[in-house]
Amino acid sequence: RLTARGYGRLRARATTLGLDPAEYTASVRCLLLPAHPACRTRVFFGVG
């Protein structure tokens, strides 16, 4: 949901700038890392 809303914001921004939404966009790759030494779960999410 968070990622989808980000792309929604890009589409709205493209409209404001008068640009093609297909050009005002980006591929994205994200990594979440908990600092606690007992938690070794690593989460990746992205699009493109």
All heavy atoms as atom14 arrays in JSON, in Angstrom:
{
  "sequence": "RLTARGYGRLRARATTLGLDPAEYTASVRCLLLPAHPACRTRVFFGVG",
  "atom14_mask": [
    [1, 1, 1, 1, 1, 1, 1, 1, 1, 1, 1, 0, 0, 0],
    [1, 1, 1, 1, 1, 1, 1, 1, 0, 0, 0, 0, 0, 0],
    [1, 1, 1, 1, 1, 1, 1, 0, 0, 0, 0, 0, 0, 0],
    [1, 1, 1, 1, 1, 0, 0, 0, 0, 0, 0, 0, 0, 0],
    [1, 1, 1, 1, 1, 1, 1, 1, 1, 1, 1, 0, 0, 0],
    [1, 1, 1, 1, 0, 0, 0, 0, 0, 0, 0, 0, 0, 0],
    [1, 1, 1, 1, 1, 1, 1, 1, 1, 1, 1, 1, 0, 0],
    [1, 1, 1, 1, 0, 0, 0, 0, 0, 0, 0, 0, 0, 0],
    [1, 1, 1, 1, 1, 1, 1, 1, 1, 1, 1, 0, 0, 0],
    [1, 1, 1, 1, 1, 1, 1, 1, 0, 0, 0, 0, 0, 0],
    [1, 1, 1, 1, 1, 1, 1, 1, 1, 1, 1, 0, 0, 0],
    [1, 1, 1, 1, 1, 0, 0, 0, 0, 0, 0, 0, 0, 0],
    [1, 1, 1, 1, 1, 1, 1, 1, 1, 1, 1, 0, 0, 0],
    [1, 1, 1, 1, 1, 0, 0, 0, 0, 0, 0, 0, 0, 0],
    [1, 1, 1, 1, 1, 1, 1, 0, 0, 0, 0, 0, 0, 0],
    [1, 1, 1, 1, 1, 1, 1, 0, 0, 0, 0, 0, 0, 0],
    [1, 1, 1, 1, 1, 1, 1, 1, 0, 0, 0, 0, 0, 0],
    [1, 1, 1, 1, 0, 0, 0, 0, 0, 0, 0, 0, 0, 0],
    [1, 1, 1, 1, 1, 1, 1, 1, 0, 0, 0, 0, 0, 0],
    [1, 1, 1, 1, 1, 1, 1, 1, 0, 0, 0, 0, 0, 0],
    [1, 1, 1, 1, 1, 1, 1, 0, 0, 0, 0, 0, 0, 0],
    [1, 1, 1, 1, 1, 0, 0, 0, 0, 0, 0, 0, 0, 0],
    [1, 1, 1, 1, 1, 1, 1, 1, 1, 0, 0, 0, 0, 0],
    [1, 1, 1, 1, 1, 1, 1, 1, 1, 1, 1, 1, 0, 0],
    [1, 1, 1, 1, 1, 1, 1, 0, 0, 0, 0, 0, 0, 0],
    [1, 1, 1, 1, 1, 0, 0, 0, 0, 0, 0, 0, 0, 0],
    [1, 1, 1, 1, 1, 1, 0, 0, 0, 0, 0, 0, 0, 0],
    [1, 1, 1, 1, 1, 1, 1, 0, 0, 0, 0, 0, 0, 0],
    [1, 1, 1, 1, 1, 1, 1, 1, 1, 1, 1, 0, 0, 0],
    [1, 1, 1, 1, 1, 1, 0, 0, 0, 0, 0, 0, 0, 0],
    [1, 1, 1, 1, 1, 1, 1, 1, 0, 0, 0, 0, 0, 0],
    [1, 1, 1, 1, 1, 1, 1, 1, 0, 0, 0, 0, 0, 0],
    [1, 1, 1, 1, 1, 1, 1, 1, 0, 0, 0, 0, 0, 0],
    [1, 1, 1, 1, 1, 1, 1, 0, 0, 0, 0, 0, 0, 0],
    [1, 1, 1, 1, 1, 0, 0, 0, 0, 0, 0, 0, 0, 0],
    [1, 1, 1, 1, 1, 1, 1, 1, 1, 1, 0, 0, 0, 0],
    [1, 1, 1, 1, 1, 1, 1, 0, 0, 0, 0, 0, 0, 0],
    [1, 1, 1, 1, 1, 0, 0, 0, 0, 0, 0, 0, 0, 0],
    [1, 1, 1, 1, 1, 1, 0, 0, 0, 0, 0, 0, 0, 0],
    [1, 1, 1, 1, 1, 1, 1, 1, 1, 1, 1, 0, 0, 0],
    [1, 1, 1, 1, 1, 1, 1, 0, 0, 0, 0, 0, 0, 0],
    [1, 1, 1, 1, 1, 1, 1, 1, 1, 1, 1, 0, 0, 0],
    [1, 1, 1, 1, 1, 1, 1, 0, 0, 0, 0, 0, 0, 0],
    [1, 1, 1, 1, 1, 1, 1, 1, 1, 1, 1, 0, 0, 0],
    [1, 1, 1, 1, 1, 1, 1, 1, 1, 1, 1, 0, 0, 0],
    [1, 1, 1, 1, 0, 0, 0, 0, 0, 0, 0, 0, 0, 0],
    [1, 1, 1, 1, 1, 1, 1, 0, 0, 0, 0, 0, 0, 0],
    [1, 1, 1, 1, 0, 0, 0, 0, 0, 0, 0, 0, 0, 0]
  ],
  "atom14_positions": [
    [[0.83, -1.2, 0.0], [0.0, 0.0, 0.0], [0.86, 1.26, 0.0], [0.59, 2.22, -0.73], [-0.92, 0.01, 1.22], [-2.04, -1.03, 1.19], [-3.08, -0.75, 2.26], [-2.49, -0.78, 3.59], [-2.39, -1.87, 4.34], [-2.82, -3.04, 3.87], [-1.88, -1.81, 5.56], [0.0, 0.0, 0.0], [0.0, 0.0, 0.0], [0.0, 0.0, 0.0]],
    [[1.91, 1.24, 0.79], [2.81, 2.39, 0.87], [3.43, 2.69, -0.5], [3.46, 3.84, -0.95], [3.9, 2.09, 1.9], [4.97, 3.11, 2.23], [5.49, 2.85, 3.64], [6.13, 3.03, 1.24], [0.0, 0.0, 0.0], [0.0, 0.0, 0.0], [0.0, 0.0, 0.0], [0.0, 0.0, 0.0], [0.0, 0.0, 0.0], [0.0, 0.0, 0.0]],
    [[3.9, 1.65, -1.17], [4.52, 1.83, -2.49], [3.52, 2.32, -3.52], [3.82, 3.22, -4.32], [5.15, 0.5, -2.95], [6.05, 0.02, -1.94], [5.93, 0.69, -4.25], [0.0, 0.0, 0.0], [0.0, 0.0, 0.0], [0.0, 0.0, 0.0], [0.0, 0.0, 0.0], [0.0, 0.0, 0.0], [0.0, 0.0, 0.0], [0.0, 0.0, 0.0]],
    [[2.31, 1.75, -3.51], [1.29, 2.18, -4.46], [0.94, 3.65, -4.27], [0.75, 4.38, -5.25], [0.04, 1.31, -4.29], [0.0, 0.0, 0.0], [0.0, 0.0, 0.0], [0.0, 0.0, 0.0], [0.0, 0.0, 0.0], [0.0, 0.0, 0.0], [0.0, 0.0, 0.0], [0.0, 0.0, 0.0], [0.0, 0.0, 0.0], [0.0, 0.0, 0.0]],
    [[0.87, 4.09, -3.02], [0.58, 5.5, -2.78], [1.7, 6.4, -3.29], [1.46, 7.51, -3.77], [0.35, 5.73, -1.29], [-0.97, 5.14, -0.79], [-1.05, 5.16, 0.72], [-2.27, 4.51, 1.19], [-2.45, 4.06, 2.42], [-1.47, 4.22, 3.31], [-3.58, 3.48, 2.76], [0.0, 0.0, 0.0], [0.0, 0.0, 0.0], [0.0, 0.0, 0.0]],
    [[2.93, 5.91, -3.19], [4.06, 6.67, -3.73], [3.94, 6.89, -5.23], [4.17, 7.99, -5.74], [0.0, 0.0, 0.0], [0.0, 0.0, 0.0], [0.0, 0.0, 0.0], [0.0, 0.0, 0.0], [0.0, 0.0, 0.0], [0.0, 0.0, 0.0], [0.0, 0.0, 0.0], [0.0, 0.0, 0.0], [0.0, 0.0, 0.0], [0.0, 0.0, 0.0]],
    [[3.52, 5.84, -5.94], [3.34, 5.99, -7.39], [2.14, 6.87, -7.7], [2.13, 7.6, -8.7], [3.21, 4.62, -8.05], [4.56, 3.97, -8.26], [4.98, 2.92, -7.46], [5.42, 4.43, -9.25], [6.22, 2.34, -7.63], [6.67, 3.86, -9.43], [7.07, 2.82, -8.62], [8.32, 2.25, -8.78], [0.0, 0.0, 0.0], [0.0, 0.0, 0.0]],
    [[1.13, 6.84, -6.85], [0.02, 7.75, -7.03], [0.45, 9.21, -6.91], [0.01, 10.07, -7.67], [0.0, 0.0, 0.0], [0.0, 0.0, 0.0], [0.0, 0.0, 0.0], [0.0, 0.0, 0.0], [0.0, 0.0, 0.0], [0.0, 0.0, 0.0], [0.0, 0.0, 0.0], [0.0, 0.0, 0.0], [0.0, 0.0, 0.0], [0.0, 0.0, 0.0]],
    [[1.32, 9.48, -5.97], [1.85, 10.84, -5.8], [2.66, 11.26, -7.02], [2.59, 12.42, -7.46], [2.71, 10.92, -4.55], [1.92, 10.87, -3.25], [2.86, 10.83, -2.05], [3.67, 12.03, -1.97], [3.36, 13.11, -1.27], [2.23, 13.14, -0.59], [4.15, 14.17, -1.23], [0.0, 0.0, 0.0], [0.0, 0.0, 0.0], [0.0, 0.0, 0.0]],
    [[3.44, 10.33, -7.59], [4.21, 10.67, -8.79], [3.29, 11.0, -9.96], [3.55, 11.94, -10.72], [5.13, 9.51, -9.17], [6.37, 9.27, -8.31], [7.24, 8.18, -8.93], [7.19, 10.55, -8.12], [0.0, 0.0, 0.0], [0.0, 0.0, 0.0], [0.0, 0.0, 0.0], [0.0, 0.0, 0.0], [0.0, 0.0, 0.0], [0.0, 0.0, 0.0]],
    [[2.2, 10.24, -10.12], [1.26, 10.53, -11.2], [0.62, 11.9, -11.01], [0.45, 12.67, -11.97], [0.19, 9.44, -11.27], [0.73, 8.08, -11.73], [-0.4, 7.11, -12.08], [-1.2, 6.76, -10.91], [-0.92, 5.76, -10.09], [0.18, 5.03, -10.29], [-1.7, 5.48, -9.06], [0.0, 0.0, 0.0], [0.0, 0.0, 0.0], [0.0, 0.0, 0.0]],
    [[0.25, 12.22, -9.77], [-0.34, 13.53, -9.51], [0.66, 14.65, -9.78], [0.3, 15.7, -10.34], [-0.84, 13.59, -8.07], [0.0, 0.0, 0.0], [0.0, 0.0, 0.0], [0.0, 0.0, 0.0], [0.0, 0.0, 0.0], [0.0, 0.0, 0.0], [0.0, 0.0, 0.0], [0.0, 0.0, 0.0], [0.0, 0.0, 0.0], [0.0, 0.0, 0.0]],
    [[1.9, 14.42, -9.38], [2.94, 15.43, -9.61], [3.19, 15.62, -11.1], [3.38, 16.75, -11.56], [4.22, 14.99, -8.9], [5.4, 15.92, -9.08], [5.14, 17.27, -8.44], [6.36, 18.08, -8.44], [6.37, 19.39, -8.3], [5.23, 20.06, -8.14], [7.5, 20.05, -8.3], [0.0, 0.0, 0.0], [0.0, 0.0, 0.0], [0.0, 0.0, 0.0]],
    [[3.18, 14.54, -11.87], [3.37, 14.63, -13.32], [2.28, 15.49, -13.96], [2.54, 16.32, -14.84], [3.38, 13.24, -13.94], [0.0, 0.0, 0.0], [0.0, 0.0, 0.0], [0.0, 0.0, 0.0], [0.0, 0.0, 0.0], [0.0, 0.0, 0.0], [0.0, 0.0, 0.0], [0.0, 0.0, 0.0], [0.0, 0.0, 0.0], [0.0, 0.0, 0.0]],
    [[1.04, 15.3, -13.51], [-0.07, 16.1, -14.04], [0.13, 17.58, -13.73], [-0.08, 18.44, -14.58], [-1.39, 15.61, -13.42], [-1.59, 14.23, -13.76], [-2.57, 16.42, -13.95], [0.0, 0.0, 0.0], [0.0, 0.0, 0.0], [0.0, 0.0, 0.0], [0.0, 0.0, 0.0], [0.0, 0.0, 0.0], [0.0, 0.0, 0.0], [0.0, 0.0, 0.0]],
    [[0.58, 17.87, -12.51], [0.84, 19.25, -12.12], [1.91, 19.89, -13.0], [1.82, 21.06, -13.37], [1.26, 19.32, -10.65], [0.24, 18.76, -9.83], [1.54, 20.75, -10.22], [0.0, 0.0, 0.0], [0.0, 0.0, 0.0], [0.0, 0.0, 0.0], [0.0, 0.0, 0.0], [0.0, 0.0, 0.0], [0.0, 0.0, 0.0], [0.0, 0.0, 0.0]],
    [[2.94, 19.1, -13.34], [4.06, 19.61, -14.13], [3.78, 19.59, -15.63], [4.6, 20.05, -16.43], [5.32, 18.79, -13.85], [5.88, 18.88, -12.42], [7.01, 17.87, -12.23], [6.38, 20.29, -12.12], [0.0, 0.0, 0.0], [0.0, 0.0, 0.0], [0.0, 0.0, 0.0], [0.0, 0.0, 0.0], [0.0, 0.0, 0.0], [0.0, 0.0, 0.0]],
    [[2.65, 18.99, -16.03], [2.34, 18.88, -17.46], [3.18, 17.84, -18.17], [3.44, 17.97, -19.37], [0.0, 0.0, 0.0], [0.0, 0.0, 0.0], [0.0, 0.0, 0.0], [0.0, 0.0, 0.0], [0.0, 0.0, 0.0], [0.0, 0.0, 0.0], [0.0, 0.0, 0.0], [0.0, 0.0, 0.0], [0.0, 0.0, 0.0], [0.0, 0.0, 0.0]],
    [[3.59, 16.81, -17.43], [4.43, 15.76, -18.0], [3.64, 14.47, -18.16], [2.61, 14.25, -17.52], [5.64, 15.51, -17.09], [6.58, 16.68, -16.86], [7.64, 16.3, -15.81], [7.26, 17.1, -18.15], [0.0, 0.0, 0.0], [0.0, 0.0, 0.0], [0.0, 0.0, 0.0], [0.0, 0.0, 0.0], [0.0, 0.0, 0.0], [0.0, 0.0, 0.0]],
    [[4.13, 13.62, -19.04], [3.55, 12.29, -19.22], [3.85, 11.46, -17.98], [5.02, 11.28, -17.62], [4.16, 11.63, -20.46], [3.57, 10.26, -20.75], [2.81, 9.74, -19.92], [3.88, 9.71, -21.83], [0.0, 0.0, 0.0], [0.0, 0.0, 0.0], [0.0, 0.0, 0.0], [0.0, 0.0, 0.0], [0.0, 0.0, 0.0], [0.0, 0.0, 0.0]],
    [[2.84, 10.92, -17.28], [3.1, 10.1, -16.09], [4.01, 8.9, -16.36], [4.69, 8.43, -15.44], [1.71, 9.64, -15.65], [0.78, 10.69, -16.19], [1.4, 11.12, -17.5], [0.0, 0.0, 0.0], [0.0, 0.0, 0.0], [0.0, 0.0, 0.0], [0.0, 0.0, 0.0], [0.0, 0.0, 0.0], [0.0, 0.0, 0.0], [0.0, 0.0, 0.0]],
    [[4.03, 8.41, -17.61], [4.9, 7.28, -17.95], [6.37, 7.69, -17.95], [7.26, 6.83, -17.88], [4.53, 6.7, -19.31], [0.0, 0.0, 0.0], [0.0, 0.0, 0.0], [0.0, 0.0, 0.0], [0.0, 0.0, 0.0], [0.0, 0.0, 0.0], [0.0, 0.0, 0.0], [0.0, 0.0, 0.0], [0.0, 0.0, 0.0], [0.0, 0.0, 0.0]],
    [[6.65, 8.99, -18.01], [8.03, 9.48, -17.98], [8.42, 9.98, -16.6], [9.57, 9.87, -16.2], [8.21, 10.6, -19.02], [8.11, 10.12, -20.46], [8.46, 11.22, -21.44], [8.36, 12.42, -21.07], [8.82, 10.9, -22.59], [0.0, 0.0, 0.0], [0.0, 0.0, 0.0], [0.0, 0.0, 0.0], [0.0, 0.0, 0.0], [0.0, 0.0, 0.0]],
    [[7.46, 10.55, -15.88], [7.77, 11.04, -14.53], [7.49, 9.91, -13.54], [6.48, 9.9, -12.81], [6.94, 12.28, -14.2], [7.44, 13.02, -12.97], [8.53, 13.88, -13.06], [6.85, 12.83, -11.72], [9.01, 14.55, -11.94], [7.32, 13.5, -10.6], [8.4, 14.35, -10.72], [8.88, 15.01, -9.61], [0.0, 0.0, 0.0], [0.0, 0.0, 0.0]],
    [[8.36, 8.93, -13.54], [8.22, 7.77, -12.67], [9.61, 7.2, -12.42], [10.61, 7.71, -12.94], [7.28, 6.72, -13.31], [7.0, 5.7, -12.35], [7.91, 6.09, -14.54], [0.0, 0.0, 0.0], [0.0, 0.0, 0.0], [0.0, 0.0, 0.0], [0.0, 0.0, 0.0], [0.0, 0.0, 0.0], [0.0, 0.0, 0.0], [0.0, 0.0, 0.0]],
    [[9.69, 6.15, -11.63], [11.0, 5.58, -11.28], [10.84, 4.15, -10.81], [9.83, 3.8, -10.18], [11.67, 6.42, -10.17], [0.0, 0.0, 0.0], [0.0, 0.0, 0.0], [0.0, 0.0, 0.0], [0.0, 0.0, 0.0], [0.0, 0.0, 0.0], [0.0, 0.0, 0.0], [0.0, 0.0, 0.0], [0.0, 0.0, 0.0], [0.0, 0.0, 0.0]],
    [[11.83, 3.33, -11.11], [11.93, 2.03, -10.47], [12.44, 2.24, -9.05], [13.18, 3.19, -8.78], [12.91, 1.13, -11.23], [12.43, 0.87, -12.53], [0.0, 0.0, 0.0], [0.0, 0.0, 0.0], [0.0, 0.0, 0.0], [0.0, 0.0, 0.0], [0.0, 0.0, 0.0], [0.0, 0.0, 0.0], [0.0, 0.0, 0.0], [0.0, 0.0, 0.0]],
    [[12.04, 1.37, -8.13], [12.44, 1.57, -6.74], [12.76, 0.22, -6.09], [12.1, -0.78, -6.36], [11.34, 2.33, -5.96], [10.07, 1.51, -5.84], [11.82, 2.76, -4.6], [0.0, 0.0, 0.0], [0.0, 0.0, 0.0], [0.0, 0.0, 0.0], [0.0, 0.0, 0.0], [0.0, 0.0, 0.0], [0.0, 0.0, 0.0], [0.0, 0.0, 0.0]],
    [[13.79, 0.22, -5.29], [14.22, -0.95, -4.51], [14.46, -0.48, -3.08], [15.17, 0.51, -2.86], [15.52, -1.54, -5.07], [15.36, -2.3, -6.38], [14.81, -3.69, -6.08], [14.75, -4.53, -7.25], [13.82, -4.47, -8.17], [12.9, -3.54, -8.09], [13.8, -5.32, -9.18], [0.0, 0.0, 0.0], [0.0, 0.0, 0.0], [0.0, 0.0, 0.0]],
    [[13.88, -1.18, -2.09], [13.99, -0.76, -0.7], [14.42, -1.93, 0.18], [14.11, -3.09, -0.11], [12.65, -0.22, -0.19], [11.9, 1.05, -1.23], [0.0, 0.0, 0.0], [0.0, 0.0, 0.0], [0.0, 0.0, 0.0], [0.0, 0.0, 0.0], [0.0, 0.0, 0.0], [0.0, 0.0, 0.0], [0.0, 0.0, 0.0], [0.0, 0.0, 0.0]],
    [[15.11, -1.6, 1.27], [15.57, -2.61, 2.22], [15.32, -2.1, 3.63], [15.72, -0.98, 3.98], [17.05, -2.89, 2.02], [17.66, -4.05, 2.81], [17.0, -5.36, 2.43], [19.17, -4.11, 2.55], [0.0, 0.0, 0.0], [0.0, 0.0, 0.0], [0.0, 0.0, 0.0], [0.0, 0.0, 0.0], [0.0, 0.0, 0.0], [0.0, 0.0, 0.0]],
    [[14.65, -2.92, 4.45], [14.4, -2.61, 5.86], [15.29, -3.48, 6.73], [15.31, -4.71, 6.58], [12.94, -2.86, 6.21], [11.91, -1.8, 5.8], [10.51, -2.29, 6.09], [12.17, -0.48, 6.51], [0.0, 0.0, 0.0], [0.0, 0.0, 0.0], [0.0, 0.0, 0.0], [0.0, 0.0, 0.0], [0.0, 0.0, 0.0], [0.0, 0.0, 0.0]],
    [[16.01, -2.84, 7.67], [16.96, -3.52, 8.53], [16.73, -3.13, 9.98], [16.96, -1.98, 10.35], [18.4, -3.16, 8.13], [18.81, -3.44, 6.68], [20.0, -2.58, 6.29], [19.14, -4.91, 6.51], [0.0, 0.0, 0.0], [0.0, 0.0, 0.0], [0.0, 0.0, 0.0], [0.0, 0.0, 0.0], [0.0, 0.0, 0.0], [0.0, 0.0, 0.0]],
    [[16.26, -4.03, 10.83], [16.12, -3.7, 12.25], [17.48, -3.63, 12.92], [18.37, -4.45, 12.65], [15.29, -4.87, 12.8], [15.54, -6.0, 11.86], [15.79, -5.39, 10.52], [0.0, 0.0, 0.0], [0.0, 0.0, 0.0], [0.0, 0.0, 0.0], [0.0, 0.0, 0.0], [0.0, 0.0, 0.0], [0.0, 0.0, 0.0], [0.0, 0.0, 0.0]],
    [[17.66, -2.65, 13.79], [18.96, -2.46, 14.44], [19.2, -3.46, 15.57], [20.35, -3.68, 15.96], [19.07, -1.03, 14.98], [0.0, 0.0, 0.0], [0.0, 0.0, 0.0], [0.0, 0.0, 0.0], [0.0, 0.0, 0.0], [0.0, 0.0, 0.0], [0.0, 0.0, 0.0], [0.0, 0.0, 0.0], [0.0, 0.0, 0.0], [0.0, 0.0, 0.0]],
    [[18.14, -4.06, 16.11], [18.3, -4.97, 17.25], [19.12, -6.19, 16.84], [18.81, -6.86, 15.85], [16.94, -5.41, 17.76], [16.98, -5.96, 19.15], [17.64, -7.13, 19.48], [16.44, -5.5, 20.32], [17.51, -7.37, 20.76], [16.8, -6.39, 21.3], [0.0, 0.0, 0.0], [0.0, 0.0, 0.0], [0.0, 0.0, 0.0], [0.0, 0.0, 0.0]],
    [[20.2, -6.5, 17.57], [21.07, -7.61, 17.17], [20.39, -8.98, 17.21], [20.86, -9.93, 16.56], [22.23, -7.54, 18.17], [21.7, -6.78, 19.34], [20.71, -5.82, 18.78], [0.0, 0.0, 0.0], [0.0, 0.0, 0.0], [0.0, 0.0, 0.0], [0.0, 0.0, 0.0], [0.0, 0.0, 0.0], [0.0, 0.0, 0.0], [0.0, 0.0, 0.0]],
    [[19.29, -9.11, 17.96], [18.61, -10.4, 18.04], [17.66, -10.65, 16.88], [17.17, -11.76, 16.72], [17.84, -10.51, 19.36], [0.0, 0.0, 0.0], [0.0, 0.0, 0.0], [0.0, 0.0, 0.0], [0.0, 0.0, 0.0], [0.0, 0.0, 0.0], [0.0, 0.0, 0.0], [0.0, 0.0, 0.0], [0.0, 0.0, 0.0], [0.0, 0.0, 0.0]],
    [[17.39, -9.62, 16.09], [16.46, -9.75, 14.96], [17.24, -9.72, 13.67], [17.84, -8.69, 13.3], [15.43, -8.62, 14.98], [14.2, -8.77, 13.66], [0.0, 0.0, 0.0], [0.0, 0.0, 0.0], [0.0, 0.0, 0.0], [0.0, 0.0, 0.0], [0.0, 0.0, 0.0], [0.0, 0.0, 0.0], [0.0, 0.0, 0.0], [0.0, 0.0, 0.0]],
    [[17.26, -10.83, 12.97], [18.01, -10.93, 11.71], [17.08, -10.97, 10.49], [17.49, -11.4, 9.41], [18.91, -12.17, 11.72], [20.13, -12.03, 12.64], [21.05, -13.22, 12.52], [22.28, -13.06, 13.27], [23.41, -12.55, 12.76], [23.45, -12.15, 11.51], [24.5, -12.46, 13.51], [0.0, 0.0, 0.0], [0.0, 0.0, 0.0], [0.0, 0.0, 0.0]],
    [[15.84, -10.55, 10.66], [14.93, -10.47, 9.53], [15.32, -9.3, 8.63], [15.52, -8.18, 9.12], [13.48, -10.29, 10.0], [13.13, -11.38, 10.85], [12.52, -10.26, 8.82], [0.0, 0.0, 0.0], [0.0, 0.0, 0.0], [0.0, 0.0, 0.0], [0.0, 0.0, 0.0], [0.0, 0.0, 0.0], [0.0, 0.0, 0.0], [0.0, 0.0, 0.0]],
    [[15.43, -9.56, 7.34], [15.75, -8.52, 6.36], [14.63, -8.5, 5.33], [14.28, -9.55, 4.78], [17.09, -8.81, 5.67], [18.24, -9.1, 6.64], [18.63, -7.88, 7.43], [19.75, -8.09, 8.32], [19.69, -8.03, 9.64], [18.53, -7.78, 10.24], [20.76, -8.2, 10.4], [0.0, 0.0, 0.0], [0.0, 0.0, 0.0], [0.0, 0.0, 0.0]],
    [[14.06, -7.34, 5.07], [12.91, -7.24, 4.18], [13.24, -6.35, 2.99], [13.67, -5.2, 3.14], [11.68, -6.67, 4.93], [10.56, -6.32, 3.96], [11.18, -7.69, 5.95], [0.0, 0.0, 0.0], [0.0, 0.0, 0.0], [0.0, 0.0, 0.0], [0.0, 0.0, 0.0], [0.0, 0.0, 0.0], [0.0, 0.0, 0.0], [0.0, 0.0, 0.0]],
    [[13.03, -6.92, 1.8], [13.2, -6.19, 0.55], [11.83, -5.99, -0.1], [10.99, -6.89, -0.07], [14.11, -6.99, -0.39], [13.8, -6.78, -1.85], [14.24, -5.64, -2.51], [13.06, -7.7, -2.56], [13.94, -5.43, -3.84], [12.76, -7.51, -3.89], [13.2, -6.37, -4.54], [0.0, 0.0, 0.0], [0.0, 0.0, 0.0], [0.0, 0.0, 0.0]],
    [[11.59, -4.81, -0.68], [10.39, -4.61, -1.49], [10.69, -3.59, -2.57], [11.61, -2.77, -2.45], [9.2, -4.16, -0.62], [9.38, -2.83, 0.08], [8.81, -1.68, -0.43], [10.1, -2.75, 1.27], [8.95, -0.46, 0.23], [10.24, -1.53, 1.93], [9.67, -0.39, 1.41], [0.0, 0.0, 0.0], [0.0, 0.0, 0.0], [0.0, 0.0, 0.0]],
    [[9.94, -3.65, -3.66], [10.21, -2.72, -4.74], [9.35, -2.97, -5.96], [8.51, -3.87, -6.01], [0.0, 0.0, 0.0], [0.0, 0.0, 0.0], [0.0, 0.0, 0.0], [0.0, 0.0, 0.0], [0.0, 0.0, 0.0], [0.0, 0.0, 0.0], [0.0, 0.0, 0.0], [0.0, 0.0, 0.0], [0.0, 0.0, 0.0], [0.0, 0.0, 0.0]],
    [[9.58, -2.12, -6.98], [8.87, -2.18, -8.25], [9.85, -1.8, -9.35], [10.64, -0.87, -9.18], [7.67, -1.2, -8.27], [7.04, -1.13, -9.65], [6.61, -1.62, -7.26], [0.0, 0.0, 0.0], [0.0, 0.0, 0.0], [0.0, 0.0, 0.0], [0.0, 0.0, 0.0], [0.0, 0.0, 0.0], [0.0, 0.0, 0.0], [0.0, 0.0, 0.0]],
    [[9.81, -2.5, -10.48], [10.63, -2.12, -11.63], [11.99, -2.77, -11.64], [12.26, -3.74, -10.93], [0.0, 0.0, 0.0], [0.0, 0.0, 0.0], [0.0, 0.0, 0.0], [0.0, 0.0, 0.0], [0.0, 0.0, 0.0], [0.0, 0.0, 0.0], [0.0, 0.0, 0.0], [0.0, 0.0, 0.0], [0.0, 0.0, 0.0], [0.0, 0.0, 0.0]]
  ]
}
